[in-house]
Amino acid sequence: MHAMLSTDPGGPDTLEWTEGPTPEPKSGEVRIAIHAAGVNFPDTLIIRDLYQIKPPRPFAPGGEVAGVVEAVGAGVDALAIGDRVLAMTGFGGFATHLCAQASACVPLPDHMPFDTAACFLFTYGTSHYALKDRGQIAPGETLLILGAAGGVGAAAIELGKAAGARVIAAVSSEDKAAFCRDLGADETLIYPREMDRAAQKTLSAEIKRLAGPDGVNVAYDAVGGAYAEPVIRSMAWGGRYLVVGFPAGIPSIPLNLALLKSCQIVGVFWGASIYRDPAAHAQNVQELFALYAKGAIAPHISARFPMQDAAQALDLVAARKAMGKIVLIVGDTA
């Protein structure tokens, strides 16, 4: 097997395409011959030791894969050799083979290709959990999405529209705004890449203008940093501000704003929720497959790279230049 290994903390250029022995599945595991791996923002953090999970080195990043089961460990009854699966593994996915817990694998619908599957669950799972379970979004509500052209943001646009919300997509460029409109966003706004106090006031005023007099019912913040405060200043009474990610830094928020708006600041830790409530996660996955089957959602893959070119893919994600999803390919993706 081959894998893109992180041997020392650092950026994408520190990864090495390395050959090693093909792993054998332990009890409760299956070995997956990987056909595709999704690229996500946490992959850029985990190789720098900046993520919640810090695997022992050497390790391969990549927490989202799709492929075929080619070996089954003891005690595994739900999967068999030849099954097409996607798996959420946390890390290890930028490789040709991976052993994963059978419980982390989800059988693929027959009509879903591997590249689509490898870009499906992380983004839609995060955003569905955020909007449905944490934001309790309702038809007719106004949803604001920061970082709306990224993987989870694009998923949130589609899921917000499927839930009957009015969607405002906030992004950093006109190209990204056009991408979001193509996904179905009702309104778009462009925020500056640098946010000082004057820019915060301008952003808050623009959000209020687009949201209308009642303000934003649900805010999906996948950006953080100095962008957070203007969003909370724009919240509706009883609104829900969803804490999703911090590529712009961890924000400092005056808590008096939450009091004045009587709004909630709600954490979204989808990865932990999977293990804390597996039944709810399983239900959400089936709901997402149903939405995909009827064409309401579908990953928008903007770039495909061979697995050994993972550094280029990670650079795009780290620089926030990706629109939709980026996928790494091994062999056939049908």
Protein backbone atom coordinates (compact mmCIF):
# COMPACT_ATOMS: atom_id res chain seq x y z
CA MET A 1 0.00 0.00 0.00
CA HIS A 2 0.92 3.69 -0.27
CA ALA A 3 0.01 6.59 1.99
CA MET A 4 0.64 10.33 2.29
CA LEU A 5 2.35 10.34 5.68
CA SER A 6 2.87 13.15 8.16
CA THR A 7 6.18 12.46 9.90
CA ASP A 8 6.62 15.90 11.53
CA PRO A 9 4.21 18.75 12.31
CA GLY A 10 3.92 21.16 9.39
CA GLY A 11 2.08 22.20 6.27
CA PRO A 12 1.03 20.12 3.26
CA ASP A 13 4.56 20.22 1.82
CA THR A 14 5.75 18.04 4.73
CA LEU A 15 3.65 15.04 3.62
CA GLU A 16 5.52 12.14 2.04
CA TRP A 17 4.15 9.55 -0.43
CA THR A 18 5.36 6.40 1.28
CA GLU A 19 5.14 2.68 0.56
CA GLY A 20 4.44 0.27 3.41
CA PRO A 21 2.85 -3.07 4.28
CA THR A 22 -0.86 -3.50 3.63
CA PRO A 23 -2.60 -3.60 7.03
CA GLU A 24 -4.62 -6.54 8.27
CA PRO A 25 -7.98 -5.86 9.96
CA LYS A 26 -8.22 -6.54 13.68
CA SER A 27 -11.30 -7.80 15.46
CA GLY A 28 -14.26 -5.56 14.61
CA GLU A 29 -12.45 -3.97 11.64
CA VAL A 30 -12.55 -4.19 7.86
CA ARG A 31 -9.87 -3.30 5.34
CA ILE A 32 -11.02 -0.89 2.66
CA ALA A 33 -9.39 -0.57 -0.75
CA ILE A 34 -9.81 3.20 -1.07
CA HIS A 35 -11.11 4.62 -4.35
CA ALA A 36 -11.58 8.23 -3.21
CA ALA A 37 -10.92 10.42 -0.18
CA GLY A 38 -12.55 13.74 0.63
CA VAL A 39 -10.38 16.73 1.57
CA ASN A 40 -11.65 18.81 4.49
CA PHE A 41 -10.39 21.76 6.52
CA PRO A 42 -9.56 19.62 9.59
CA ASP A 43 -7.02 17.78 7.40
CA THR A 44 -5.03 21.02 7.16
CA LEU A 45 -5.05 21.33 10.96
CA ILE A 46 -4.31 17.75 12.00
CA ILE A 47 -0.95 17.71 10.19
CA ARG A 48 0.04 20.84 12.13
CA ASP A 49 -1.05 19.39 15.49
CA LEU A 50 -3.78 22.05 15.67
CA TYR A 51 -6.81 19.74 15.68
CA GLN A 52 -8.68 18.10 18.56
CA ILE A 53 -7.33 14.72 17.44
CA LYS A 54 -3.53 14.27 17.59
CA PRO A 55 -2.62 10.84 16.19
CA PRO A 56 0.82 9.34 16.85
CA ARG A 57 3.21 9.79 13.93
CA PRO A 58 3.66 8.74 11.29
CA PHE A 59 0.04 8.99 10.17
CA ALA A 60 -1.89 9.89 7.05
CA PRO A 61 -4.49 12.68 7.24
CA GLY A 62 -7.89 12.14 5.68
CA GLY A 63 -10.98 11.32 7.68
CA GLU A 64 -13.48 10.61 4.89
CA VAL A 65 -13.08 7.77 2.39
CA ALA A 66 -15.05 5.59 0.01
CA GLY A 67 -14.05 2.23 -1.39
CA VAL A 68 -14.55 -1.53 -1.35
CA VAL A 69 -14.23 -3.90 1.59
CA GLU A 70 -11.48 -6.39 0.72
CA ALA A 71 -10.85 -8.09 4.10
CA VAL A 72 -12.99 -8.61 7.20
CA GLY A 73 -11.77 -9.01 10.78
CA ALA A 74 -13.18 -11.34 13.41
CA GLY A 75 -16.61 -10.51 14.77
CA VAL A 76 -17.76 -8.49 11.76
CA ASP A 77 -21.14 -9.69 10.50
CA ALA A 78 -22.74 -6.58 8.97
CA LEU A 79 -20.19 -6.19 6.13
CA ALA A 80 -18.69 -8.60 3.62
CA ILE A 81 -15.87 -8.63 1.10
CA GLY A 82 -16.93 -6.69 -1.99
CA ASP A 83 -19.26 -4.27 -0.19
CA ARG A 84 -19.08 -0.65 -1.33
CA VAL A 85 -18.79 1.63 1.70
CA LEU A 86 -17.98 5.11 2.90
CA ALA A 87 -16.24 5.57 6.22
CA MET A 88 -15.53 8.39 8.66
CA THR A 89 -12.17 7.57 10.23
CA GLY A 90 -10.75 10.80 11.66
CA PHE A 91 -7.42 10.21 9.90
CA GLY A 92 -5.64 7.62 7.76
CA GLY A 93 -7.66 8.17 4.60
CA PHE A 94 -4.99 9.62 2.30
CA ALA A 95 -3.84 6.12 1.40
CA THR A 96 -4.59 3.24 -0.92
CA HIS A 97 -5.80 1.00 1.93
CA LEU A 98 -7.18 1.57 5.39
CA CYS A 99 -8.43 -0.57 8.26
CA ALA A 100 -11.49 0.95 9.91
CA GLN A 101 -13.97 -0.06 12.54
CA ALA A 102 -16.91 -1.74 10.85
CA SER A 103 -19.18 0.50 12.92
CA ALA A 104 -17.64 3.56 11.19
CA CYS A 105 -18.60 2.25 7.73
CA VAL A 106 -21.84 2.98 5.90
CA PRO A 107 -22.95 0.88 2.89
CA LEU A 108 -23.27 2.99 -0.24
CA PRO A 109 -26.46 3.34 -2.24
CA ASP A 110 -26.01 1.60 -5.60
CA HIS A 111 -26.42 4.86 -7.51
CA MET A 112 -23.70 6.79 -5.60
CA PRO A 113 -20.20 6.84 -7.17
CA PHE A 114 -17.10 6.67 -4.97
CA ASP A 115 -15.95 10.26 -5.53
CA THR A 116 -19.39 11.57 -4.56
CA ALA A 117 -19.49 9.28 -1.53
CA ALA A 118 -16.08 10.46 -0.34
CA CYS A 119 -17.37 14.04 -0.37
CA PHE A 120 -20.76 13.35 1.15
CA LEU A 121 -20.97 12.56 4.83
CA PHE A 122 -18.54 14.99 6.46
CA THR A 123 -20.10 18.10 4.96
CA TYR A 124 -23.76 17.06 4.81
CA GLY A 125 -23.53 15.24 8.14
CA THR A 126 -22.08 18.33 9.83
CA SER A 127 -24.58 20.71 8.28
CA HIS A 128 -27.63 18.49 8.77
CA TYR A 129 -26.75 17.99 12.44
CA ALA A 130 -26.11 21.73 12.77
CA LEU A 131 -29.31 22.95 11.14
CA LYS A 132 -31.71 20.23 12.22
CA ASP A 133 -30.53 19.12 15.66
CA ARG A 134 -28.69 22.20 16.96
CA GLY A 135 -30.36 25.05 15.05
CA GLN A 136 -33.86 23.52 14.88
CA ILE A 137 -34.40 25.42 11.66
CA ALA A 138 -38.00 25.86 10.53
CA PRO A 139 -39.66 26.69 7.21
CA GLY A 140 -39.78 30.43 6.54
CA GLU A 141 -36.86 31.29 8.82
CA THR A 142 -33.87 33.31 7.64
CA LEU A 143 -30.57 31.41 7.56
CA LEU A 144 -27.23 33.24 7.26
CA ILE A 145 -24.20 31.13 6.28
CA LEU A 146 -20.64 32.43 6.67
CA GLY A 147 -18.08 30.63 4.52
CA ALA A 148 -20.96 29.55 2.30
CA ALA A 149 -18.84 28.48 -0.69
CA GLY A 150 -16.78 25.94 1.28
CA GLY A 151 -17.67 22.30 1.74
CA VAL A 152 -19.88 22.55 4.83
CA GLY A 153 -21.21 25.95 3.77
CA ALA A 154 -22.33 24.72 0.37
CA ALA A 155 -24.00 21.75 2.06
CA ALA A 156 -25.76 24.15 4.44
CA ILE A 157 -27.17 26.13 1.50
CA GLU A 158 -28.76 23.04 -0.02
CA LEU A 159 -30.02 21.71 3.32
CA GLY A 160 -31.35 25.12 4.32
CA LYS A 161 -33.33 25.36 1.09
CA ALA A 162 -34.57 21.78 1.53
CA ALA A 163 -35.80 22.79 5.00
CA GLY A 164 -37.74 25.73 3.55
CA ALA A 165 -35.48 28.49 4.87
CA ARG A 166 -34.57 31.76 3.19
CA VAL A 167 -30.80 31.56 2.71
CA ILE A 168 -28.28 34.41 2.80
CA ALA A 169 -24.82 33.22 1.70
CA ALA A 170 -21.85 35.27 2.93
CA VAL A 171 -18.54 34.81 1.09
CA SER A 172 -15.27 36.59 0.30
CA SER A 173 -15.50 37.06 -3.48
CA GLU A 174 -17.94 37.53 -6.34
CA ASP A 175 -16.94 34.18 -7.87
CA LYS A 176 -17.95 32.48 -4.64
CA ALA A 177 -21.18 34.50 -4.50
CA ALA A 178 -22.08 33.32 -8.01
CA PHE A 179 -21.34 29.73 -6.96
CA CYS A 180 -23.71 30.10 -3.99
CA ARG A 181 -26.47 31.56 -6.12
CA ASP A 182 -26.14 28.57 -8.43
CA LEU A 183 -26.66 26.35 -5.37
CA GLY A 184 -29.91 28.14 -4.59
CA ALA A 185 -28.98 30.93 -2.16
CA ASP A 186 -31.66 33.62 -2.10
CA GLU A 187 -29.23 36.43 -1.29
CA THR A 188 -25.46 36.81 -1.21
CA LEU A 189 -23.10 39.25 0.42
CA ILE A 190 -19.35 39.69 0.11
CA TYR A 191 -17.32 40.40 3.23
CA PRO A 192 -13.73 41.71 3.26
CA ARG A 193 -10.81 39.38 3.93
CA GLU A 194 -9.56 41.74 6.63
CA MET A 195 -12.05 42.78 9.31
CA ASP A 196 -11.46 45.95 11.36
CA ARG A 197 -14.02 47.74 13.51
CA ALA A 198 -15.37 49.84 10.63
CA ALA A 199 -15.71 46.74 8.46
CA GLN A 200 -17.56 44.95 11.28
CA LYS A 201 -20.13 47.75 11.41
CA THR A 202 -20.55 47.67 7.64
CA LEU A 203 -20.99 43.90 7.63
CA SER A 204 -23.58 44.03 10.41
CA ALA A 205 -25.55 46.71 8.56
CA GLU A 206 -25.49 44.68 5.34
CA ILE A 207 -26.68 41.53 7.10
CA LYS A 208 -29.53 43.47 8.73
CA ARG A 209 -30.50 44.97 5.36
CA LEU A 210 -30.72 41.56 3.70
CA ALA A 211 -32.32 39.80 6.66
CA GLY A 212 -35.02 42.40 7.12
CA PRO A 213 -36.40 43.94 10.31
CA ASP A 214 -36.70 40.64 12.21
CA GLY A 215 -33.03 39.72 11.75
CA VAL A 216 -31.33 36.34 11.29
CA ASN A 217 -33.08 33.35 12.85
CA VAL A 218 -30.22 30.88 12.38
CA ALA A 219 -26.59 31.84 11.75
CA TYR A 220 -24.21 29.13 10.53
CA ASP A 221 -20.70 30.43 11.23
CA ALA A 222 -17.97 28.35 9.60
CA VAL A 223 -15.50 31.29 9.64
CA GLY A 224 -15.23 32.70 13.18
CA GLY A 225 -12.70 35.42 14.03
CA ALA A 226 -13.81 39.04 13.84
CA TYR A 227 -16.76 38.05 11.62
CA ALA A 228 -18.68 36.55 14.53
CA GLU A 229 -19.64 39.72 16.41
CA PRO A 230 -21.36 41.44 13.43
CA VAL A 231 -23.41 38.29 12.93
CA ILE A 232 -24.61 38.18 16.53
CA ARG A 233 -25.50 41.87 16.34
CA SER A 234 -27.79 40.90 13.44
CA MET A 235 -29.60 38.04 15.18
CA ALA A 236 -33.36 37.87 15.56
CA TRP A 237 -34.97 37.62 18.97
CA GLY A 238 -34.60 34.00 20.00
CA GLY A 239 -32.16 33.30 17.17
CA ARG A 240 -29.59 30.50 17.16
CA TYR A 241 -25.95 31.25 16.35
CA LEU A 242 -24.21 28.00 15.37
CA VAL A 243 -20.50 27.69 16.15
CA VAL A 244 -19.13 25.50 13.34
CA GLY A 245 -15.48 26.44 12.70
CA PHE A 246 -12.69 28.97 13.09
CA PRO A 247 -10.49 29.34 9.97
CA ALA A 248 -10.37 33.09 10.72
CA GLY A 249 -9.54 32.47 14.40
CA ILE A 250 -11.46 31.87 17.62
CA PRO A 251 -13.74 34.88 18.18
CA SER A 252 -14.19 36.99 21.30
CA ILE A 253 -17.89 37.71 21.66
CA PRO A 254 -19.43 40.28 24.04
CA LEU A 255 -21.96 38.12 25.88
CA ASN A 256 -24.23 41.09 26.52
CA LEU A 257 -25.27 40.73 22.86
CA ALA A 258 -26.69 37.28 23.55
CA LEU A 259 -28.64 38.74 26.46
CA LEU A 260 -29.98 41.69 24.46
CA LYS A 261 -31.08 39.44 21.59
CA SER A 262 -32.21 36.62 23.88
CA CYS A 263 -30.39 34.42 21.38
CA GLN A 264 -28.50 31.17 21.80
CA ILE A 265 -24.83 30.53 21.05
CA VAL A 266 -24.84 26.85 20.13
CA GLY A 267 -21.82 24.59 19.66
CA VAL A 268 -21.76 22.14 16.74
CA PHE A 269 -19.44 19.16 17.34
CA TRP A 270 -20.77 16.66 14.84
CA GLY A 271 -17.85 14.25 15.22
CA ALA A 272 -18.53 13.74 18.92
CA SER A 273 -22.29 13.53 18.38
CA ILE A 274 -21.84 10.43 16.20
CA TYR A 275 -20.50 8.45 19.15
CA ARG A 276 -22.72 10.01 21.81
CA ASP A 277 -25.96 9.35 19.93
CA PRO A 278 -25.36 6.72 17.21
CA ALA A 279 -29.09 6.12 16.71
CA ALA A 280 -29.71 9.78 15.88
CA HIS A 281 -26.68 9.76 13.57
CA ALA A 282 -27.98 6.70 11.74
CA GLN A 283 -31.33 8.41 11.28
CA ASN A 284 -29.64 11.54 9.93
CA VAL A 285 -27.59 9.49 7.45
CA GLN A 286 -30.73 7.85 6.08
CA GLU A 287 -32.39 11.25 5.77
CA LEU A 288 -29.38 12.54 3.81
CA PHE A 289 -29.39 9.54 1.47
CA ALA A 290 -33.10 10.15 0.85
CA LEU A 291 -32.45 13.82 0.01
CA TYR A 292 -29.64 12.76 -2.34
CA ALA A 293 -31.87 10.18 -4.04
CA LYS A 294 -34.49 12.79 -4.88
CA GLY A 295 -31.90 15.33 -6.09
CA ALA A 296 -32.25 17.85 -3.26
CA ILE A 297 -28.55 17.61 -2.34
CA ALA A 298 -25.39 16.53 -4.19
CA PRO A 299 -21.71 17.29 -3.50
CA HIS A 300 -20.27 19.91 -5.83
CA ILE A 301 -16.74 18.69 -6.57
CA SER A 302 -14.63 21.55 -7.87
CA ALA A 303 -11.33 19.66 -8.22
CA ARG A 304 -9.98 16.11 -8.33
CA PHE A 305 -6.37 15.17 -7.65
CA PRO A 306 -4.45 11.90 -7.67
CA MET A 307 -3.84 10.75 -4.08
CA GLN A 308 -0.11 11.50 -4.28
CA ASP A 309 -0.93 15.16 -5.07
CA ALA A 310 -2.72 15.63 -1.75
CA ALA A 311 -0.49 18.60 -0.85
CA GLN A 312 -1.93 20.67 -3.71
CA ALA A 313 -5.47 19.87 -2.60
CA LEU A 314 -4.70 20.78 1.01
CA ASP A 315 -3.12 24.08 -0.07
CA LEU A 316 -6.38 25.06 -1.82
CA VAL A 317 -8.44 24.25 1.25
CA ALA A 318 -6.05 25.96 3.68
CA ALA A 319 -6.06 29.13 1.54
CA ARG A 320 -9.89 29.07 1.49
CA LYS A 321 -9.83 28.97 -2.31
CA ALA A 322 -11.90 25.81 -2.68
CA MET A 323 -15.53 26.05 -3.74
CA GLY A 324 -17.59 23.04 -2.76
CA LYS A 325 -15.48 19.92 -2.31
CA ILE A 326 -12.08 18.60 -3.40
CA VAL A 327 -11.45 14.88 -3.71
CA LEU A 328 -8.39 12.63 -4.00
CA ILE A 329 -8.68 9.70 -6.39
CA VAL A 330 -7.26 6.19 -6.40
CA GLY A 331 -8.25 4.20 -9.48
CA ASP A 332 -11.85 3.87 -10.62
CA THR A 333 -14.50 6.07 -8.95
CA ALA A 334 -17.64 4.57 -10.52
